[in-house]
N, C-alpha and C. Protein backbone atom coordinates (compact mmCIF):
# COMPACT_ATOMS: atom_id res chain seq x y z
N MET A 1 98.60 102.08 102.91
CA MET A 1 99.83 101.32 101.92
C MET A 1 100.86 101.04 102.44
N ALA A 2 101.66 100.09 102.13
CA ALA A 2 102.98 99.69 102.70
C ALA A 2 103.95 100.50 101.65
N ASP A 3 105.11 101.03 101.97
CA ASP A 3 105.83 101.65 101.60
C ASP A 3 107.23 101.17 101.03
N PHE A 4 107.52 100.97 99.64
CA PHE A 4 108.75 100.10 99.24
C PHE A 4 109.75 101.02 99.84
N GLU A 5 110.14 102.53 99.26
CA GLU A 5 111.22 103.11 99.46
C GLU A 5 111.83 103.13 100.89
N GLU A 6 110.65 103.14 101.78
CA GLU A 6 110.96 103.04 103.36
C GLU A 6 111.50 101.75 103.66
N ASN A 7 110.87 100.62 103.50
CA ASN A 7 111.86 99.37 103.92
C ASN A 7 112.87 98.96 102.93
N GLU A 8 112.96 99.72 101.82
CA GLU A 8 114.40 99.40 101.01
C GLU A 8 115.51 99.49 101.82
N LYS A 9 115.64 100.41 103.03
CA LYS A 9 116.87 100.77 103.60
C LYS A 9 117.10 99.57 104.52
N SER A 10 116.25 98.78 105.19
CA SER A 10 116.73 97.65 105.96
C SER A 10 116.88 96.58 105.29
N SER A 11 117.12 95.18 105.50
CA SER A 11 117.15 93.86 104.80
C SER A 11 116.17 92.85 105.52
N PHE A 12 115.83 92.03 104.47
CA PHE A 12 114.91 91.03 104.68
C PHE A 12 115.34 90.20 105.92
N ALA A 13 116.97 90.12 105.72
CA ALA A 13 117.55 88.97 106.68
C ALA A 13 117.50 89.76 108.27
N SER A 14 117.32 90.87 108.20
CA SER A 14 117.27 91.89 109.28
C SER A 14 115.93 91.84 110.22
N LYS A 15 114.97 91.34 109.82
CA LYS A 15 113.47 91.66 110.33
C LYS A 15 112.76 90.19 110.09
N TYR A 16 113.34 89.10 109.43
CA TYR A 16 112.55 88.01 109.04
C TYR A 16 113.48 86.45 109.25
N GLU A 17 113.03 85.54 109.52
CA GLU A 17 113.65 84.28 109.11
C GLU A 17 112.92 83.74 108.45
N MET A 18 113.73 82.89 107.14
CA MET A 18 113.00 82.29 105.92
C MET A 18 112.49 80.65 106.41
N GLY A 19 111.85 80.20 106.03
CA GLY A 19 111.41 78.73 106.66
C GLY A 19 111.53 77.88 105.37
N ASN A 20 110.22 77.10 105.20
CA ASN A 20 110.04 76.19 104.29
C ASN A 20 109.54 76.68 103.04
N LYS A 21 109.79 76.22 101.52
CA LYS A 21 109.39 76.21 100.55
C LYS A 21 107.95 76.04 100.19
N LEU A 22 107.24 76.91 99.84
CA LEU A 22 105.72 76.59 99.61
C LEU A 22 105.62 76.25 98.18
N GLY A 23 106.32 76.80 97.26
CA GLY A 23 106.05 76.67 95.78
C GLY A 23 107.04 77.40 95.03
N GLU A 24 106.97 77.16 93.59
CA GLU A 24 107.86 77.76 92.89
C GLU A 24 107.15 78.23 91.36
N GLY A 25 107.23 79.45 90.69
CA GLY A 25 106.92 79.50 89.75
C GLY A 25 107.79 79.90 88.77
N MET A 26 107.77 80.56 87.38
CA MET A 26 108.18 80.75 86.69
C MET A 26 109.22 81.84 87.11
N ASN A 27 108.84 82.71 87.53
CA ASN A 27 109.74 84.19 87.95
C ASN A 27 109.72 84.02 89.33
N ALA A 28 109.46 83.19 89.95
CA ALA A 28 109.60 83.54 91.67
C ALA A 28 109.73 82.31 92.45
N VAL A 29 110.11 82.40 93.82
CA VAL A 29 110.21 81.16 94.80
C VAL A 29 109.52 81.68 95.93
N VAL A 30 108.37 80.91 96.44
CA VAL A 30 107.83 81.58 97.64
C VAL A 30 108.36 80.70 98.81
N TYR A 31 108.28 81.05 99.86
CA TYR A 31 108.70 80.45 101.20
C TYR A 31 107.76 81.14 102.18
N LEU A 32 107.70 80.21 103.29
CA LEU A 32 106.94 80.56 104.76
C LEU A 32 108.01 81.62 105.28
N CYS A 33 107.70 82.36 106.08
CA CYS A 33 108.66 83.13 106.74
C CYS A 33 107.64 83.84 107.76
N TYR A 34 108.93 83.98 108.97
CA TYR A 34 108.54 84.83 110.06
C TYR A 34 109.28 85.97 110.71
N LYS A 35 108.55 87.16 111.42
CA LYS A 35 109.29 87.95 111.78
C LYS A 35 110.33 87.50 112.98
N LYS A 36 111.60 87.97 113.21
CA LYS A 36 112.40 87.51 113.80
C LYS A 36 112.04 87.56 115.31
N GLN A 37 111.40 88.42 115.55
CA GLN A 37 110.62 88.75 116.84
C GLN A 37 109.88 87.51 117.44
N ASP A 38 109.11 87.36 116.51
CA ASP A 38 107.67 86.09 116.91
C ASP A 38 108.30 84.77 117.34
N THR A 39 109.10 84.66 118.50
CA THR A 39 109.91 83.47 118.56
C THR A 39 109.00 82.14 118.75
N ASP A 40 107.85 82.35 118.78
CA ASP A 40 106.73 80.90 119.11
C ASP A 40 106.43 80.79 117.56
N LYS A 41 106.38 81.61 116.77
CA LYS A 41 106.31 81.41 115.34
C LYS A 41 104.65 80.70 114.85
N LYS A 42 103.97 82.30 115.44
CA LYS A 42 102.54 81.98 115.63
C LYS A 42 101.93 82.69 114.52
N ALA A 43 102.84 83.80 113.81
CA ALA A 43 102.37 84.64 112.93
C ALA A 43 103.20 84.54 111.50
N PRO A 44 102.58 83.32 110.67
CA PRO A 44 103.35 83.17 109.19
C PRO A 44 103.42 84.26 108.51
N PHE A 45 104.27 84.64 107.56
CA PHE A 45 103.88 85.32 106.56
C PHE A 45 104.15 84.60 105.06
N ALA A 46 104.15 84.90 104.01
CA ALA A 46 104.77 84.35 102.76
C ALA A 46 105.81 85.43 102.25
N VAL A 47 106.95 84.91 101.72
CA VAL A 47 107.98 85.66 101.11
C VAL A 47 108.25 85.05 99.88
N LYS A 48 108.01 86.29 98.62
CA LYS A 48 108.49 85.74 97.22
C LYS A 48 109.62 86.39 96.91
N VAL A 49 110.51 85.52 96.37
CA VAL A 49 111.92 85.86 96.22
C VAL A 49 112.05 86.01 94.65
N SER A 50 112.09 87.06 94.29
CA SER A 50 112.14 87.46 92.77
C SER A 50 113.41 87.65 92.08
N ARG A 51 114.07 87.14 91.09
CA ARG A 51 115.13 87.80 90.36
C ARG A 51 115.09 89.47 90.38
N ALA A 52 115.89 90.21 90.48
CA ALA A 52 115.79 91.55 90.10
C ALA A 52 117.16 92.44 89.50
N ASP A 53 117.43 91.60 88.70
CA ASP A 53 118.97 91.89 88.39
C ASP A 53 119.04 93.33 87.37
N ASP A 54 117.73 93.74 86.92
CA ASP A 54 117.95 94.84 86.26
C ASP A 54 116.72 95.90 86.41
N GLU A 55 116.76 97.29 86.17
CA GLU A 55 115.89 98.17 86.43
C GLU A 55 114.17 97.76 85.88
N GLU A 56 114.55 97.33 84.91
CA GLU A 56 113.17 97.03 84.05
C GLU A 56 112.41 95.75 84.82
N ARG A 57 113.31 94.88 85.39
CA ARG A 57 112.26 94.02 86.47
C ARG A 57 112.13 94.51 87.73
N LYS A 58 113.06 95.47 87.84
CA LYS A 58 112.70 96.26 89.49
C LYS A 58 111.72 96.94 89.58
N GLU A 59 111.36 97.76 88.29
CA GLU A 59 110.33 98.50 88.33
C GLU A 59 109.11 97.87 88.25
N ALA A 60 109.06 96.59 87.30
CA ALA A 60 107.71 95.90 87.29
C ALA A 60 107.45 95.31 88.89
N HIS A 61 108.63 94.94 89.46
CA HIS A 61 108.07 94.68 91.00
C HIS A 61 107.68 95.61 91.98
N ARG A 62 108.15 96.95 91.82
CA ARG A 62 108.04 98.17 92.29
C ARG A 62 106.16 98.40 91.94
N LYS A 63 105.67 98.13 90.66
CA LYS A 63 104.33 98.36 90.27
C LYS A 63 103.36 97.16 91.35
N GLU A 64 104.04 96.06 91.04
CA GLU A 64 103.22 95.04 91.46
C GLU A 64 102.87 94.99 92.91
N PHE A 65 104.04 95.65 93.81
CA PHE A 65 103.90 96.02 95.25
C PHE A 65 102.96 96.86 95.65
N GLU A 66 102.97 98.42 94.59
CA GLU A 66 102.40 99.26 94.81
C GLU A 66 100.57 98.80 94.94
N ILE A 67 100.28 97.94 93.57
CA ILE A 67 98.89 97.32 93.87
C ILE A 67 98.70 96.69 94.54
N THR A 68 99.39 95.62 94.90
CA THR A 68 99.19 94.51 95.91
C THR A 68 99.00 95.16 97.40
N SER A 69 99.32 95.94 97.48
CA SER A 69 99.52 96.34 99.34
C SER A 69 98.56 97.61 99.29
N SER A 70 98.16 97.82 98.19
CA SER A 70 96.77 98.79 98.22
C SER A 70 95.52 98.20 98.39
N ILE A 71 95.42 97.05 97.70
CA ILE A 71 94.24 96.21 97.51
C ILE A 71 93.95 95.53 99.04
N LYS A 72 92.75 95.63 99.24
CA LYS A 72 92.23 95.11 100.87
C LYS A 72 90.90 94.39 100.60
N HIS A 73 91.16 93.26 100.12
CA HIS A 73 89.88 91.87 99.83
C HIS A 73 90.28 90.78 100.70
N ARG A 74 88.84 90.09 101.11
CA ARG A 74 89.23 88.85 101.79
C ARG A 74 89.42 87.98 101.11
N ASN A 75 89.60 87.67 99.95
CA ASN A 75 89.89 86.72 98.75
C ASN A 75 90.85 87.14 98.08
N ILE A 76 91.84 88.26 98.59
CA ILE A 76 92.79 88.62 97.90
C ILE A 76 94.11 88.68 98.62
N VAL A 77 95.14 88.10 98.62
CA VAL A 77 96.53 88.23 99.40
C VAL A 77 97.11 89.73 99.23
N SER A 78 97.21 90.17 100.30
CA SER A 78 97.85 91.66 100.45
C SER A 78 99.56 91.79 100.66
N SER A 79 100.23 92.56 99.91
CA SER A 79 101.85 92.81 100.19
C SER A 79 101.67 93.56 101.27
N ILE A 80 102.74 93.19 102.26
CA ILE A 80 103.09 93.82 103.46
C ILE A 80 104.32 94.86 103.35
N GLU A 81 105.22 94.26 103.10
CA GLU A 81 106.16 95.15 102.64
C GLU A 81 107.55 94.54 101.49
N MET A 82 108.73 95.46 101.03
CA MET A 82 109.44 94.64 100.07
C MET A 82 110.86 95.21 100.23
N PHE A 83 111.85 94.40 99.90
CA PHE A 83 113.14 94.63 100.33
C PHE A 83 113.81 94.36 99.01
N ASP A 84 114.73 95.26 98.59
CA ASP A 84 115.31 95.08 97.42
C ASP A 84 117.02 94.97 97.64
N ASP A 85 117.69 93.32 97.56
CA ASP A 85 119.02 93.25 98.22
C ASP A 85 119.66 93.31 96.69
N GLU A 86 120.02 94.59 96.20
CA GLU A 86 120.84 94.67 95.30
C GLU A 86 122.28 93.80 95.28
N PHE A 87 122.86 93.36 96.24
CA PHE A 87 124.09 92.63 96.19
C PHE A 87 123.74 91.13 95.63
N LYS A 88 122.76 90.60 95.98
CA LYS A 88 122.34 89.37 95.72
C LYS A 88 121.33 89.64 94.30
N GLY A 89 120.99 90.76 93.90
CA GLY A 89 120.22 90.86 92.93
C GLY A 89 118.24 90.41 93.10
N GLU A 90 117.90 90.38 94.13
CA GLU A 90 116.86 89.44 94.65
C GLU A 90 115.78 90.54 95.15
N ILE A 91 114.61 90.54 94.75
CA ILE A 91 113.37 91.34 95.52
C ILE A 91 112.62 90.50 96.57
N TYR A 92 112.53 90.83 97.67
CA TYR A 92 111.65 90.17 98.70
C TYR A 92 110.34 90.87 99.11
N GLN A 93 109.59 90.08 98.42
CA GLN A 93 108.13 90.83 98.66
C GLN A 93 107.30 90.14 99.92
N ILE A 94 106.98 90.58 101.04
CA ILE A 94 106.42 90.12 101.82
C ILE A 94 104.94 90.11 101.91
N MET A 95 104.16 88.68 102.10
CA MET A 95 103.07 88.85 101.71
C MET A 95 101.94 88.23 103.16
N GLU A 96 100.80 88.47 102.93
CA GLU A 96 99.91 87.68 103.95
C GLU A 96 100.00 86.13 103.71
N PHE A 97 99.76 85.55 104.64
CA PHE A 97 100.12 83.82 104.36
C PHE A 97 98.78 83.29 104.85
N ILE A 98 98.23 82.95 103.64
CA ILE A 98 96.88 82.22 103.75
C ILE A 98 96.92 80.57 103.28
N GLN A 99 96.46 80.17 104.25
CA GLN A 99 96.66 78.46 103.94
C GLN A 99 95.69 78.18 102.92
N GLY A 100 95.89 77.49 101.84
CA GLY A 100 95.25 76.71 101.00
C GLY A 100 96.00 76.50 99.93
N MET A 101 95.41 76.53 98.76
CA MET A 101 96.23 76.39 97.34
C MET A 101 96.23 77.70 96.36
N GLU A 102 96.65 77.38 95.57
CA GLU A 102 96.92 78.69 94.43
C GLU A 102 95.30 78.71 93.42
N LEU A 103 95.05 79.66 93.22
CA LEU A 103 93.63 79.79 92.40
C LEU A 103 93.43 79.03 91.23
N LEU A 104 94.36 79.03 90.66
CA LEU A 104 94.64 78.21 89.03
C LEU A 104 94.18 76.61 89.65
N ASP A 105 94.94 76.16 90.76
CA ASP A 105 94.66 74.58 91.23
C ASP A 105 93.23 74.35 91.40
N LYS A 106 92.78 75.37 92.48
CA LYS A 106 91.31 75.16 92.77
C LYS A 106 90.07 75.35 91.74
N ILE A 107 90.55 76.42 90.61
CA ILE A 107 89.80 76.22 89.53
C ILE A 107 89.97 75.05 89.01
N ALA A 108 91.21 74.28 88.58
CA ALA A 108 91.13 73.16 87.74
C ALA A 108 90.51 71.79 88.54
N GLN A 109 90.04 72.20 89.95
CA GLN A 109 89.38 71.05 90.63
C GLN A 109 87.91 71.12 90.51
N GLN A 110 87.48 71.96 89.95
CA GLN A 110 85.90 72.57 89.77
C GLN A 110 85.45 71.24 88.47
N PRO A 111 84.38 70.76 88.75
CA PRO A 111 83.78 69.49 87.88
C PRO A 111 83.86 70.12 86.35
N LYS A 112 83.86 71.16 86.05
CA LYS A 112 84.01 71.45 84.45
C LYS A 112 85.41 72.36 84.28
N GLY A 113 86.21 72.47 85.19
CA GLY A 113 87.22 73.03 84.96
C GLY A 113 87.38 74.61 85.19
N HIS A 114 85.98 75.20 85.54
CA HIS A 114 85.93 76.69 85.59
C HIS A 114 84.99 76.75 86.47
N TYR A 115 84.82 77.99 87.20
CA TYR A 115 83.80 78.59 88.24
C TYR A 115 82.55 78.87 87.32
N THR A 116 81.34 78.33 87.93
CA THR A 116 80.34 79.38 87.24
C THR A 116 80.45 80.68 87.21
N GLU A 117 79.45 81.39 86.75
CA GLU A 117 79.75 82.80 87.05
C GLU A 117 79.18 83.30 88.11
N GLU A 118 78.06 82.90 88.77
CA GLU A 118 77.27 82.96 89.67
C GLU A 118 78.61 82.66 91.01
N HIS A 119 79.22 81.53 91.10
CA HIS A 119 79.87 81.36 92.30
C HIS A 119 81.51 82.24 92.02
N ALA A 120 81.80 82.50 90.95
CA ALA A 120 82.88 83.54 90.93
C ALA A 120 82.30 85.04 91.45
N LYS A 121 81.14 85.27 90.97
CA LYS A 121 80.72 86.73 91.65
C LYS A 121 80.73 86.76 92.96
N MET A 122 80.21 85.59 94.02
CA MET A 122 80.33 85.38 95.05
C MET A 122 81.82 85.37 95.58
N LEU A 123 82.68 84.94 95.19
CA LEU A 123 83.95 85.04 95.19
C LEU A 123 84.69 86.49 95.64
N PHE A 124 84.08 87.10 94.44
CA PHE A 124 85.00 88.37 94.20
C PHE A 124 83.96 89.75 94.89
N LYS A 125 83.04 89.56 95.54
CA LYS A 125 82.15 90.82 95.93
C LYS A 125 82.83 91.34 97.21
């Protein structure tokens, strides 16, 4: 499992380069990003940038990170590391980058607006 406290000591900007915006939700914006040492940009990651201007939000982000960094499943995106920029009041959560679309968009594309129980079981086995 990745460690939030250890990565809190360095900064997102010291390790990663921000790329294009991938999407935006109510609580965060997701961008493509690359490790600065990856000069060929062959190994993209996703970074979720969220507001964290109070301790309650920071704790919620820490809990989410602990859970998403511990889950290893082919159909679930894993978190890799997390940075807390106290000056900007932002949390940067580095995640695997998986080409495609969000689950809700994929579900909405299904003929009846949902997966059958059998199909859903296959996805999460």
